[in-house]
């Protein structure tokens, strides 16, 4: 498994950041790398909420697996090439007074063998770039001008 974490400091409260993330079907409003998004479930929040997103020619489905208001949300991403067994994104919010530290951790599992690990690292690298774009979009949407995305906090390819 490959794990990649990106972090940004958003000059807004965790509640304000959560309000944007909790509108699960509306990611295309603030993530510049998402062309279209919509809910696929009648459920609009919590575990089981499902959305479809389109980025360029790729379409994936994301299903919420963990939901802790004003704290974290995790979702499984399906619809990637079959060589990828699973991908999960986890957003975490930490209150830092007048700002919020937001981390986005992506876990990619393509299997345990060395060729599979190479695939996981390549997919992870591409998804890390997408994470940077999402964090930047979130910061711009919620925060104030001049806020920046931090340097990557962690990128490992160690088995989990």
Protein backbone atom coordinates (compact mmCIF):
# COMPACT_ATOMS: atom_id res chain seq x y z
CA UNK A 1 0.00 0.00 0.00
CA UNK A 2 1.16 3.50 -0.81
CA UNK A 3 0.12 6.37 1.45
CA UNK A 4 0.39 10.03 0.45
CA UNK A 5 -0.53 12.94 2.69
CA UNK A 6 -0.90 16.57 1.72
CA UNK A 7 -1.57 19.41 4.15
CA UNK A 8 -2.79 22.99 3.90
CA UNK A 9 -3.53 25.72 6.42
CA UNK A 10 -6.89 27.34 5.71
CA UNK A 11 -7.61 30.71 7.33
CA UNK A 12 -11.11 29.71 8.44
CA UNK A 13 -12.72 27.78 11.29
CA UNK A 14 -13.13 24.00 11.13
CA UNK A 15 -16.89 24.61 10.97
CA UNK A 16 -16.52 26.75 7.85
CA UNK A 17 -14.22 24.20 6.21
CA UNK A 18 -16.54 21.34 7.20
CA UNK A 19 -19.54 23.17 5.73
CA UNK A 20 -17.84 22.97 2.32
CA UNK A 21 -16.68 19.35 2.64
CA UNK A 22 -20.09 18.27 3.98
CA UNK A 23 -21.76 19.41 0.76
CA UNK A 24 -20.46 16.14 -0.64
CA UNK A 25 -22.09 16.40 -4.05
CA UNK A 26 -20.81 19.94 -4.66
CA UNK A 27 -17.06 19.31 -4.91
CA UNK A 28 -17.05 20.71 -8.46
CA UNK A 29 -17.90 24.14 -6.99
CA UNK A 30 -14.46 24.47 -5.41
CA UNK A 31 -12.14 21.74 -6.74
CA UNK A 32 -10.82 23.10 -10.03
CA UNK A 33 -9.77 19.63 -11.19
CA UNK A 34 -13.37 18.32 -10.97
CA UNK A 35 -15.43 19.15 -14.03
CA UNK A 36 -18.74 17.78 -12.77
CA UNK A 37 -20.09 16.25 -9.56
CA UNK A 38 -23.44 15.00 -8.34
CA UNK A 39 -24.88 12.81 -5.61
CA UNK A 40 -25.88 9.29 -6.60
CA UNK A 41 -27.56 8.53 -3.28
CA UNK A 42 -30.70 10.00 -1.77
CA UNK A 43 -28.61 10.35 1.36
CA UNK A 44 -26.81 13.71 1.43
CA UNK A 45 -24.50 13.22 4.42
CA UNK A 46 -22.93 10.53 6.54
CA UNK A 47 -21.66 7.03 5.90
CA UNK A 48 -23.01 5.63 2.65
CA UNK A 49 -23.39 8.96 0.85
CA UNK A 50 -22.25 8.47 -2.73
CA UNK A 51 -21.22 10.92 -5.42
CA UNK A 52 -20.07 10.70 -9.01
CA UNK A 53 -17.29 12.96 -10.20
CA UNK A 54 -15.92 13.60 -13.64
CA UNK A 55 -12.43 14.92 -14.31
CA UNK A 56 -11.59 15.29 -17.97
CA UNK A 57 -12.42 11.87 -19.45
CA UNK A 58 -12.32 9.97 -16.16
CA UNK A 59 -15.43 9.25 -14.13
CA UNK A 60 -15.28 7.74 -10.64
CA UNK A 61 -17.71 7.04 -7.82
CA UNK A 62 -16.86 8.01 -4.24
CA UNK A 63 -18.66 6.47 -1.26
CA UNK A 64 -18.32 7.83 2.28
CA UNK A 65 -16.92 5.29 4.76
CA UNK A 66 -16.30 7.60 7.75
CA UNK A 67 -18.08 10.85 8.70
CA UNK A 68 -17.18 12.89 11.78
CA UNK A 69 -18.66 16.40 11.50
CA UNK A 70 -16.10 19.22 11.75
CA UNK A 71 -13.36 16.61 12.10
CA UNK A 72 -12.98 14.11 9.23
CA UNK A 73 -14.52 12.42 6.23
CA UNK A 74 -13.17 9.38 4.37
CA UNK A 75 -14.40 7.92 1.12
CA UNK A 76 -13.58 4.97 -1.11
CA UNK A 77 -12.96 5.73 -4.79
CA UNK A 78 -14.12 3.20 -7.38
CA UNK A 79 -14.00 3.20 -11.15
CA UNK A 80 -10.22 3.34 -11.51
CA UNK A 81 -8.36 0.81 -13.69
CA UNK A 82 -8.64 -2.79 -12.43
CA UNK A 83 -4.95 -2.94 -11.53
CA UNK A 84 -5.80 -0.70 -8.57
CA UNK A 85 -7.45 -2.74 -5.83
CA UNK A 86 -8.58 0.19 -3.70
CA UNK A 87 -8.15 3.92 -3.16
CA UNK A 88 -9.33 5.84 -0.12
CA UNK A 89 -9.16 9.59 0.57
CA UNK A 90 -9.37 10.87 4.14
CA UNK A 91 -9.81 14.56 4.98
CA UNK A 92 -8.90 15.62 8.55
CA UNK A 93 -9.49 19.03 10.11
CA UNK A 94 -7.52 20.35 13.09
CA UNK A 95 -8.51 23.60 14.81
CA UNK A 96 -5.51 25.94 15.04
CA UNK A 97 -7.24 28.97 16.53
CA UNK A 98 -8.19 31.36 13.73
CA UNK A 99 -7.27 28.79 11.10
CA UNK A 100 -7.67 25.11 10.30
CA UNK A 101 -4.99 22.63 9.33
CA UNK A 102 -6.49 20.38 6.66
CA UNK A 103 -4.81 17.13 5.69
CA UNK A 104 -5.78 14.90 2.80
CA UNK A 105 -4.42 11.35 2.98
CA UNK A 106 -4.67 9.04 -0.01
CA UNK A 107 -4.12 5.29 0.35
CA UNK A 108 -3.57 3.28 -2.83
CA UNK A 109 -3.54 -0.52 -2.82
CA UNK A 110 -2.53 -2.28 -6.03
CA UNK A 111 -1.26 -5.44 -4.37
CA UNK A 112 1.86 -6.67 -2.53
CA UNK A 113 4.15 -7.71 -5.39
CA UNK A 114 6.90 -5.34 -6.60
CA UNK A 115 5.25 -4.63 -9.99
CA UNK A 116 1.98 -3.87 -8.19
CA UNK A 117 3.82 -1.54 -5.81
CA UNK A 118 5.23 0.35 -8.80
CA UNK A 119 1.71 0.77 -10.13
CA UNK A 120 0.52 1.99 -6.72
CA UNK A 121 3.36 4.54 -6.57
CA UNK A 122 2.55 5.83 -10.06
CA UNK A 123 -1.16 6.11 -9.25
CA UNK A 124 -0.28 7.70 -5.90
CA UNK A 125 1.86 10.32 -7.59
CA UNK A 126 -1.00 11.27 -9.90
CA UNK A 127 -3.51 11.35 -7.06
CA UNK A 128 -1.12 13.48 -4.97
CA UNK A 129 -1.24 16.10 -7.69
CA UNK A 130 -5.05 15.94 -7.60
CA UNK A 131 -4.93 16.31 -3.80
CA UNK A 132 -2.79 19.44 -4.13
CA UNK A 133 -5.35 20.90 -6.53
CA UNK A 134 -8.26 20.04 -4.22
CA UNK A 135 -6.53 21.55 -1.17
CA UNK A 136 -5.72 24.69 -3.15
CA UNK A 137 -9.31 24.95 -4.35
CA UNK A 138 -10.67 24.42 -0.84
CA UNK A 139 -8.29 27.05 0.55
CA UNK A 140 -9.29 29.56 -2.10
CA UNK A 141 -13.00 28.82 -1.68
CA UNK A 142 -13.09 28.99 2.12
CA UNK A 143 -10.03 31.00 3.06
CA UNK A 144 -8.65 34.40 2.31
CA UNK A 145 -6.45 35.42 -0.61
CA UNK A 146 -2.78 34.68 -0.06
CA UNK A 147 -3.28 31.36 1.71
CA UNK A 148 -1.03 28.65 0.32
CA UNK A 149 -0.87 24.90 0.20
CA UNK A 150 1.87 23.54 2.43
CA UNK A 151 4.74 21.32 1.34
CA UNK A 152 3.78 17.62 1.31
CA UNK A 153 3.80 16.23 4.84
CA UNK A 154 4.37 12.60 3.95
CA UNK A 155 4.74 10.30 0.99
CA UNK A 156 5.59 6.70 1.67
CA UNK A 157 5.47 3.49 -0.24
CA UNK A 158 5.83 1.22 2.76
CA UNK A 159 3.38 -1.64 3.11
CA UNK A 160 0.59 -0.86 5.53
